[in-house]
Protein backbone atom coordinates (compact mmCIF):
# COMPACT_ATOMS: atom_id res chain seq x y z
CA UNK A 1 2.32 15.07 -21.64
CA UNK A 2 2.81 11.44 -21.53
CA UNK A 3 1.61 9.46 -18.52
CA UNK A 4 4.45 7.29 -17.02
CA UNK A 5 3.55 3.93 -15.33
CA UNK A 6 5.93 3.48 -12.47
CA UNK A 7 5.80 -0.15 -11.48
CA UNK A 8 6.11 -0.88 -7.65
CA UNK A 9 7.44 -4.37 -6.93
CA UNK A 10 6.96 -6.62 -4.12
CA UNK A 11 8.72 -5.20 -1.13
CA UNK A 12 9.18 -1.99 -2.85
CA UNK A 13 7.69 1.56 -2.97
CA UNK A 14 7.81 4.74 -5.14
CA UNK A 15 6.38 8.13 -5.23
CA UNK A 16 4.89 10.10 -8.34
CA UNK A 17 3.75 13.60 -9.27
CA UNK A 18 1.29 14.30 -12.12
CA UNK A 19 0.53 13.11 -14.71
CA UNK A 20 2.20 9.81 -13.67
CA UNK A 21 0.53 6.63 -12.28
CA UNK A 22 1.84 4.02 -9.79
CA UNK A 23 0.86 0.71 -10.10
CA UNK A 24 1.69 -2.50 -8.25
CA UNK A 25 0.51 -6.13 -9.24
CA UNK A 26 -0.03 -9.09 -7.23
CA UNK A 27 -1.24 -8.10 -4.14
CA UNK A 28 -2.19 -11.38 -2.47
CA UNK A 29 -1.53 -11.34 1.23
CA UNK A 30 0.62 -8.49 0.65
CA UNK A 31 -0.86 -4.93 1.38
CA UNK A 32 -0.68 -1.92 -1.02
CA UNK A 33 -0.60 1.52 0.65
CA UNK A 34 -1.30 4.43 -1.24
CA UNK A 35 -0.53 7.67 0.58
CA UNK A 36 -1.07 11.14 -1.21
CA UNK A 37 -1.01 14.77 -0.63
CA UNK A 38 -3.90 16.14 -2.83
CA UNK A 39 -3.05 19.86 -2.14
CA UNK A 40 0.72 19.48 -3.14
CA UNK A 41 -0.26 16.53 -5.86
CA UNK A 42 2.40 14.05 -4.70
CA UNK A 43 1.40 10.46 -4.28
CA UNK A 44 3.12 7.44 -2.97
CA UNK A 45 2.56 3.53 -3.09
CA UNK A 46 4.22 0.83 -1.01
CA UNK A 47 3.62 -2.86 -1.44
CA UNK A 48 4.37 -4.60 1.99
CA UNK A 49 4.82 -8.39 2.38
CA UNK A 50 5.13 -8.45 6.27
CA UNK A 51 3.74 -6.81 9.33
CA UNK A 52 6.62 -6.12 11.33
CA UNK A 53 10.38 -6.30 11.12
CA UNK A 54 10.83 -7.11 14.60
CA UNK A 55 12.10 -10.88 14.73
CA UNK A 56 13.69 -10.62 11.43
CA UNK A 57 17.60 -10.45 11.90
CA UNK A 58 17.86 -9.85 7.97
CA UNK A 59 16.42 -6.58 7.33
CA UNK A 60 18.45 -5.79 4.01
CA UNK A 61 15.02 -4.85 2.59
CA UNK A 62 13.20 -2.68 5.18
CA UNK A 63 10.45 -1.91 2.41
CA UNK A 64 9.21 -5.58 3.24
CA UNK A 65 7.75 -4.56 6.40
CA UNK A 66 4.70 -2.26 7.22
CA UNK A 67 6.54 -0.65 10.24
CA UNK A 68 9.48 0.46 8.13
CA UNK A 69 8.06 0.96 4.63
CA UNK A 70 5.38 3.45 5.74
CA UNK A 71 7.98 5.89 7.37
CA UNK A 72 10.14 5.51 4.55
CA UNK A 73 7.29 6.37 2.20
CA UNK A 74 6.24 9.41 4.22
CA UNK A 75 10.05 10.76 4.07
CA UNK A 76 9.92 10.28 0.27
CA UNK A 77 6.60 12.06 -0.17
CA UNK A 78 8.02 14.96 1.99
CA UNK A 79 11.02 15.19 0.07
CA UNK A 80 8.72 15.75 -3.16
CA UNK A 81 6.91 18.50 -1.34
CA UNK A 82 4.14 16.74 0.43
CA UNK A 83 3.07 18.18 3.82
CA UNK A 84 2.31 15.86 6.53
CA UNK A 85 -0.91 17.44 7.47
CA UNK A 86 -2.30 16.83 4.11
CA UNK A 87 -1.68 13.17 3.95
CA UNK A 88 -4.36 10.84 3.26
CA UNK A 89 -4.17 7.10 2.52
CA UNK A 90 -6.09 4.31 0.80
CA UNK A 91 -5.12 0.56 1.36
CA UNK A 92 -5.88 -2.76 -0.55
CA UNK A 93 -4.76 -6.47 -0.31
CA UNK A 94 -4.33 -8.54 2.90
CA UNK A 95 -6.21 -11.40 1.28
CA UNK A 96 -6.08 -15.14 2.63
CA UNK A 97 -4.37 -16.76 -0.08
CA UNK A 98 -4.24 -20.10 1.59
CA UNK A 99 -6.61 -21.88 3.80
CA UNK A 100 -5.81 -23.10 6.99
CA UNK A 101 -8.08 -26.11 8.49
CA UNK A 102 -7.96 -24.67 12.02
CA UNK A 103 -8.72 -21.10 11.00
CA UNK A 104 -5.84 -19.90 13.00
CA UNK A 105 -5.60 -16.06 12.21
CA UNK A 106 -2.11 -16.00 13.66
CA UNK A 107 -1.01 -17.99 10.37
CA UNK A 108 -3.14 -15.41 8.47
CA UNK A 109 -0.50 -13.13 7.18
CA UNK A 110 -2.94 -11.18 5.19
CA UNK A 111 -5.00 -10.14 8.16
CA UNK A 112 -1.83 -9.56 10.24
CA UNK A 113 -0.60 -7.15 7.46
CA UNK A 114 -3.82 -5.32 7.15
CA UNK A 115 -3.84 -4.76 10.94
CA UNK A 116 -0.13 -3.70 11.13
CA UNK A 117 -0.78 -1.20 8.20
CA UNK A 118 -3.74 0.43 9.82
CA UNK A 119 -1.59 0.82 13.21
CA UNK A 120 1.26 2.52 11.53
CA UNK A 121 -0.93 4.87 9.57
CA UNK A 122 -2.73 5.62 12.99
CA UNK A 123 0.65 6.29 14.45
CA UNK A 124 1.19 8.76 11.82
CA UNK A 125 -2.20 10.30 11.97
CA UNK A 126 -2.76 9.43 8.44
CA UNK A 127 -6.51 8.84 7.92
CA UNK A 128 -7.55 5.99 5.77
CA UNK A 129 -10.21 7.10 3.43
CA UNK A 130 -10.94 3.83 1.84
CA UNK A 131 -9.82 0.11 1.95
CA UNK A 132 -10.13 -3.16 0.07
CA UNK A 133 -8.71 -5.93 2.33
CA UNK A 134 -9.41 -9.58 2.79
CA UNK A 135 -11.02 -12.09 0.57
CA UNK A 136 -9.00 -14.76 -1.27
CA UNK A 137 -7.95 -13.23 -4.23
CA UNK A 138 -5.15 -11.29 -5.59
CA UNK A 139 -5.33 -7.37 -6.63
CA UNK A 140 -3.68 -4.80 -8.71
CA UNK A 141 -3.41 -1.43 -7.24
CA UNK A 142 -3.32 1.73 -9.56
CA UNK A 143 -2.65 5.29 -8.03
CA UNK A 144 -3.16 8.27 -10.26
CA UNK A 145 -1.04 11.25 -9.30
CA UNK A 146 -3.12 13.91 -11.11
CA UNK A 147 -6.36 12.98 -9.79
CA UNK A 148 -5.38 11.04 -6.56
CA UNK A 149 -7.81 8.25 -7.58
CA UNK A 150 -6.69 4.76 -6.38
CA UNK A 151 -8.21 1.72 -8.69
CA UNK A 152 -8.19 -1.85 -8.00
CA UNK A 153 -8.25 -4.46 -10.48
CA UNK A 154 -9.43 -7.92 -9.87
CA UNK A 155 -9.54 -10.91 -12.23
CA UNK A 156 -12.87 -11.50 -13.29
CA UNK A 157 -14.35 -8.39 -11.93
CA UNK A 158 -15.02 -4.83 -12.66
CA UNK A 159 -12.28 -2.25 -11.95
CA UNK A 160 -13.30 -0.38 -8.88
CA UNK A 161 -12.48 2.95 -7.41
CA UNK A 162 -11.59 3.16 -3.74
C-alpha cells in the first residue's frame, strides 16, 4: 500500500488513517498540533498562526486560530472514528522568529501560540505527551498515522522523534 503525504498548510488542518502521513512545513511562530487516537488509528494535524480569534472581525479562516482549529480537528477525528477518551497530542513550533529589543513577551506570538494551544488542549482533557516549543528556528512536523510517531525536522539538525 502506498503511503500518501498529506500536506497541511498554514492555517489549515487535516486527518489521516494508516498508512498515510501528515506533514506541515514552516512552523516558525506557528504551532503544529498533532492529535491522535492510537487505538482507532486516526491522526490529525493542525497548523495554527494565532492564539485566539477574539478581537478579529475577519474570521473567514477559523483554522488560523488555536481556539477554533483544535475543536474543528477534534470533530474531524471523531468523524473518522476516533474516540475522545483515547485522544493524545504532541505539539511543536512557537518559535521567537523576531527579536524584540525590550523582550516584551506580549509581542512574542510564538510564546502566546504555545500557551493558547496548551490551554485549549487542557479544556478538552487531551494530554500533551511531548512538545518541542520555542527557540528561534523553523520546524517541519511529520505525523505517521500507522505508528502515531511524530517527527520534527529542523534545518541543520538531526530529525528527532517527539
